[in-house]
Amino acid sequence: MKVIIYVEGPSDRDGLKVLLDSLIKQAIQNGRQITFVPMEGKRPLITKVPLRAVNILRNDKVAHVFALPDLYPPNVGYPHSSWSELKQVLVEAFQSECRRLKVNPTRLVERFHVHCLKYDFETLLLASEEQLKLRLRLQAFPAQIRWIKPVEDQDHKRPPKRVIEELFQYVKRRYIDTVDAPLLLEGVNPFDLAAKCPQCFQPFLNDLTKLISKA
């Protein structure tokens, strides 16, 4: 069984592959294959993945497709500013493509899993506080750089990536997502991280875990 997870870009792919390494290995042992596919940003993911998912799922009766965009920025591709609105537009786009291709969406939609990173991929980095301190070589975070906890309660005005960039700037370094994200997430327990990100990351992790654990 193939599990295809569409993400926005290479840093999401590489970071999640490191973070979910134990699950990927478990999937292989259970005869499953998890593949991360980066798109060229949020707009291509939102606008192209529904059609891709329909074509994959109608041609492979046991495949599953995940769409995992960032919630930030809002109103990309379709009007949305909340997680529920983003999920609705993706599911509706998927169903619309099914109708256009004259495919019955009832069974296919059960294998199309829509989740998001709230507000962006760097939520996972900001929630990994001890690993983040090590990466920044800090004993403690600077008092002048604060963020909301749980980190999924940050907002569109200052998403987690902006906070991460500020922290790197504080230590006179530039945040490079394709380099820093995988290195920072190495060794992080995804289930501990899910407990710190219960709104969106935990449902994604639970959904994926159940899928690869099925007999």
Protein backbone atom coordinates (compact mmCIF):
# COMPACT_ATOMS: atom_id res chain seq x y z
CA MET A 1 0.00 0.00 0.00
CA LYS A 2 1.26 3.43 -0.94
CA VAL A 3 0.78 6.50 1.25
CA ILE A 4 1.57 9.69 -0.63
CA ILE A 5 1.87 12.89 1.41
CA TYR A 6 1.91 16.18 -0.51
CA VAL A 7 3.70 19.02 1.28
CA GLU A 8 4.57 22.55 0.24
CA GLY A 9 8.31 22.24 -0.30
CA PRO A 10 11.62 20.44 0.23
CA SER A 11 12.10 21.60 3.83
CA ASP A 12 8.73 20.13 4.81
CA ARG A 13 9.61 16.87 3.06
CA ASP A 14 13.08 16.58 4.58
CA GLY A 15 12.02 17.65 8.06
CA LEU A 16 9.07 15.27 8.19
CA LYS A 17 11.16 12.37 6.86
CA VAL A 18 13.56 12.87 9.78
CA LEU A 19 10.82 13.43 12.36
CA LEU A 20 8.76 10.44 11.22
CA ASP A 21 11.67 8.09 10.60
CA SER A 22 10.40 5.47 13.07
CA LEU A 23 6.94 5.48 11.48
CA ILE A 24 8.40 5.19 7.99
CA LYS A 25 10.38 2.13 9.10
CA GLN A 26 7.29 0.66 10.77
CA ALA A 27 5.33 1.21 7.58
CA ILE A 28 7.92 -0.70 5.55
CA GLN A 29 7.74 -3.60 8.00
CA ASN A 30 3.96 -3.66 7.56
CA GLY A 31 4.17 -3.61 3.77
CA ARG A 32 3.40 0.09 3.40
CA GLN A 33 5.36 2.79 1.63
CA ILE A 34 5.27 6.44 2.75
CA THR A 35 6.35 8.97 0.14
CA PHE A 36 6.59 12.73 0.67
CA VAL A 37 6.05 14.82 -2.46
CA PRO A 38 7.00 18.52 -2.28
CA MET A 39 5.04 20.99 -4.38
CA GLU A 40 6.35 24.43 -5.31
CA GLY A 41 4.53 26.23 -2.53
CA LYS A 42 1.04 26.42 -1.11
CA ARG A 43 -0.82 27.53 -4.25
CA PRO A 44 0.28 24.53 -6.37
CA LEU A 45 -0.58 22.19 -3.50
CA ILE A 46 -4.03 23.68 -3.05
CA THR A 47 -4.88 23.89 -6.75
CA LYS A 48 -3.18 20.79 -8.19
CA VAL A 49 -3.27 18.08 -5.54
CA PRO A 50 -7.05 17.42 -5.62
CA LEU A 51 -6.84 16.34 -9.28
CA ARG A 52 -3.64 14.37 -8.66
CA ALA A 53 -5.31 12.63 -5.74
CA VAL A 54 -8.34 11.63 -7.81
CA ASN A 55 -6.15 10.14 -10.52
CA ILE A 56 -3.98 8.26 -8.04
CA LEU A 57 -6.86 6.89 -6.00
CA ARG A 58 -9.01 5.78 -8.93
CA ASN A 59 -6.08 3.89 -10.46
CA ASP A 60 -4.76 2.35 -7.23
CA LYS A 61 -7.51 0.84 -5.11
CA VAL A 62 -5.41 0.68 -1.93
CA ALA A 63 -3.43 3.92 -2.14
CA HIS A 64 -3.98 6.83 0.25
CA VAL A 65 -3.22 10.49 -0.44
CA PHE A 66 -2.57 13.15 2.20
CA ALA A 67 -2.67 16.89 1.55
CA LEU A 68 -0.60 18.71 4.19
CA PRO A 69 -0.37 22.44 3.39
CA ASP A 70 0.44 25.25 5.79
CA LEU A 71 -2.52 27.28 6.98
CA TYR A 72 -0.44 30.44 6.46
CA PRO A 73 -0.80 32.53 4.35
CA PRO A 74 -4.59 32.72 4.19
CA ASN A 75 -6.74 32.87 1.04
CA VAL A 76 -4.23 31.18 -1.27
CA GLY A 77 -5.90 29.34 -4.13
CA TYR A 78 -9.34 29.62 -2.53
CA PRO A 79 -10.76 31.89 0.21
CA HIS A 80 -9.86 30.51 3.64
CA SER A 81 -8.33 31.70 6.90
CA SER A 82 -9.06 28.82 9.30
CA TRP A 83 -8.23 25.13 9.36
CA SER A 84 -11.86 24.12 8.87
CA GLU A 85 -12.19 26.40 5.84
CA LEU A 86 -8.98 25.07 4.32
CA LYS A 87 -10.14 21.48 4.73
CA GLN A 88 -13.52 22.31 3.23
CA VAL A 89 -12.08 23.90 0.10
CA LEU A 90 -9.71 20.98 -0.52
CA VAL A 91 -12.43 18.36 -0.05
CA GLU A 92 -14.80 20.33 -2.28
CA ALA A 93 -12.10 20.68 -4.95
CA PHE A 94 -11.50 16.92 -4.76
CA GLN A 95 -15.20 16.17 -5.13
CA SER A 96 -15.49 18.64 -8.01
CA GLU A 97 -12.67 16.87 -9.87
CA CYS A 98 -14.42 13.55 -9.27
CA ARG A 99 -17.61 14.88 -10.83
CA ARG A 100 -15.73 16.39 -13.76
CA LEU A 101 -14.04 13.06 -14.45
CA LYS A 102 -17.30 11.17 -13.83
CA VAL A 103 -15.83 9.28 -10.90
CA ASN A 104 -17.91 8.35 -7.85
CA PRO A 105 -16.30 10.31 -4.99
CA THR A 106 -17.93 8.33 -2.16
CA ARG A 107 -15.26 5.67 -1.78
CA LEU A 108 -12.33 7.74 -3.04
CA VAL A 109 -12.82 10.53 -0.51
CA GLU A 110 -12.28 8.02 2.31
CA ARG A 111 -8.67 7.67 1.09
CA PHE A 112 -8.08 11.41 0.64
CA HIS A 113 -6.78 12.78 3.95
CA VAL A 114 -6.69 16.54 4.43
CA HIS A 115 -4.61 18.01 7.24
CA CYS A 116 -2.57 21.17 7.72
CA LEU A 117 0.33 22.62 9.67
CA LYS A 118 -0.96 25.44 11.83
CA TYR A 119 0.24 27.95 11.03
CA ASP A 120 3.23 26.62 9.13
CA PHE A 121 5.88 23.89 9.19
CA GLU A 122 8.03 25.86 11.65
CA THR A 123 5.38 25.19 14.30
CA LEU A 124 7.15 21.87 14.79
CA LEU A 125 10.51 23.56 15.27
CA LEU A 126 9.18 26.13 17.71
CA ALA A 127 7.53 23.40 19.76
CA SER A 128 10.84 21.47 19.93
CA GLU A 129 12.25 23.91 22.46
CA GLU A 130 15.23 21.95 23.80
CA GLN A 131 16.42 20.98 20.32
CA LEU A 132 15.92 24.56 19.17
CA LYS A 133 18.09 25.88 22.02
CA LEU A 134 20.81 23.40 21.08
CA ARG A 135 20.67 24.43 17.45
CA LEU A 136 20.91 28.10 18.43
CA ARG A 137 23.50 27.41 21.13
CA LEU A 138 21.38 29.18 23.73
CA GLN A 139 20.91 28.38 27.40
CA ALA A 140 17.60 30.21 27.37
CA PHE A 141 15.49 32.04 24.83
CA PRO A 142 15.85 35.85 24.80
CA ALA A 143 13.20 37.60 26.86
CA GLN A 144 12.40 40.03 24.02
CA ILE A 145 11.36 37.24 21.66
CA ARG A 146 8.13 35.73 22.89
CA TRP A 147 5.48 33.55 21.32
CA ILE A 148 2.15 32.03 22.22
CA LYS A 149 1.94 28.58 23.77
CA PRO A 150 0.66 26.23 22.57
CA VAL A 151 2.46 27.34 19.44
CA GLU A 152 -0.49 26.43 17.21
CA ASP A 153 -2.21 29.49 18.72
CA GLN A 154 0.16 31.83 16.87
CA ASP A 155 -1.63 33.67 14.08
CA HIS A 156 -1.42 34.87 10.49
CA LYS A 157 0.16 38.16 11.57
CA ARG A 158 3.20 36.45 13.09
CA PRO A 159 3.33 32.77 12.12
CA PRO A 160 5.89 30.45 13.72
CA LYS A 161 8.36 30.82 10.84
CA ARG A 162 8.72 34.53 11.65
CA VAL A 163 9.54 33.69 15.27
CA ILE A 164 12.13 31.12 14.16
CA GLU A 165 13.70 33.72 11.87
CA GLU A 166 13.85 36.23 14.73
CA LEU A 167 15.57 33.68 16.96
CA PHE A 168 18.18 32.91 14.33
CA GLN A 169 18.74 36.62 13.74
CA TYR A 170 19.28 37.07 17.48
CA VAL A 171 22.28 34.71 17.32
CA LYS A 172 23.43 36.39 14.10
CA ARG A 173 22.57 33.51 11.85
CA ARG A 174 20.19 33.09 8.94
CA TYR A 175 17.53 30.42 9.15
CA ILE A 176 17.87 28.04 6.20
CA ASP A 177 14.81 25.81 6.25
CA THR A 178 16.21 22.96 4.13
CA VAL A 179 19.27 22.71 6.40
CA ASP A 180 18.09 23.71 9.87
CA ALA A 181 14.72 21.95 9.93
CA PRO A 182 15.98 18.38 9.38
CA LEU A 183 18.94 18.86 11.72
CA LEU A 184 16.75 20.30 14.44
CA LEU A 185 14.10 17.58 14.23
CA GLU A 186 16.55 14.69 14.31
CA GLY A 187 15.85 12.61 17.38
CA VAL A 188 12.63 14.44 18.29
CA ASN A 189 9.83 12.10 19.37
CA PRO A 190 6.87 12.89 17.07
CA PHE A 191 4.34 11.81 19.69
CA ASP A 192 5.83 14.17 22.28
CA LEU A 193 5.64 16.88 19.67
CA ALA A 194 2.02 16.00 18.91
CA ALA A 195 1.15 16.56 22.57
CA LYS A 196 2.46 20.11 22.19
CA CYS A 197 0.61 20.59 18.88
CA PRO A 198 -2.77 18.95 19.52
CA GLN A 199 -4.87 21.03 17.16
CA CYS A 200 -3.52 19.99 13.76
CA PHE A 201 -0.28 18.02 13.97
CA GLN A 202 -1.66 15.44 16.40
CA PRO A 203 -4.68 14.56 14.19
CA PHE A 204 -2.33 14.19 11.20
CA LEU A 205 0.01 11.92 13.16
CA ASN A 206 -2.88 9.86 14.54
CA ASP A 207 -4.38 9.45 11.07
CA LEU A 208 -1.07 8.35 9.59
CA THR A 209 -0.26 6.01 12.49
CA LYS A 210 -3.61 4.22 12.27
CA LEU A 211 -3.22 3.80 8.55
CA ILE A 212 0.21 2.20 8.61
CA SER A 213 -0.68 0.02 11.59
CA LYS A 214 -3.73 -1.61 9.99
CA ALA A 215 -3.49 -5.34 9.38
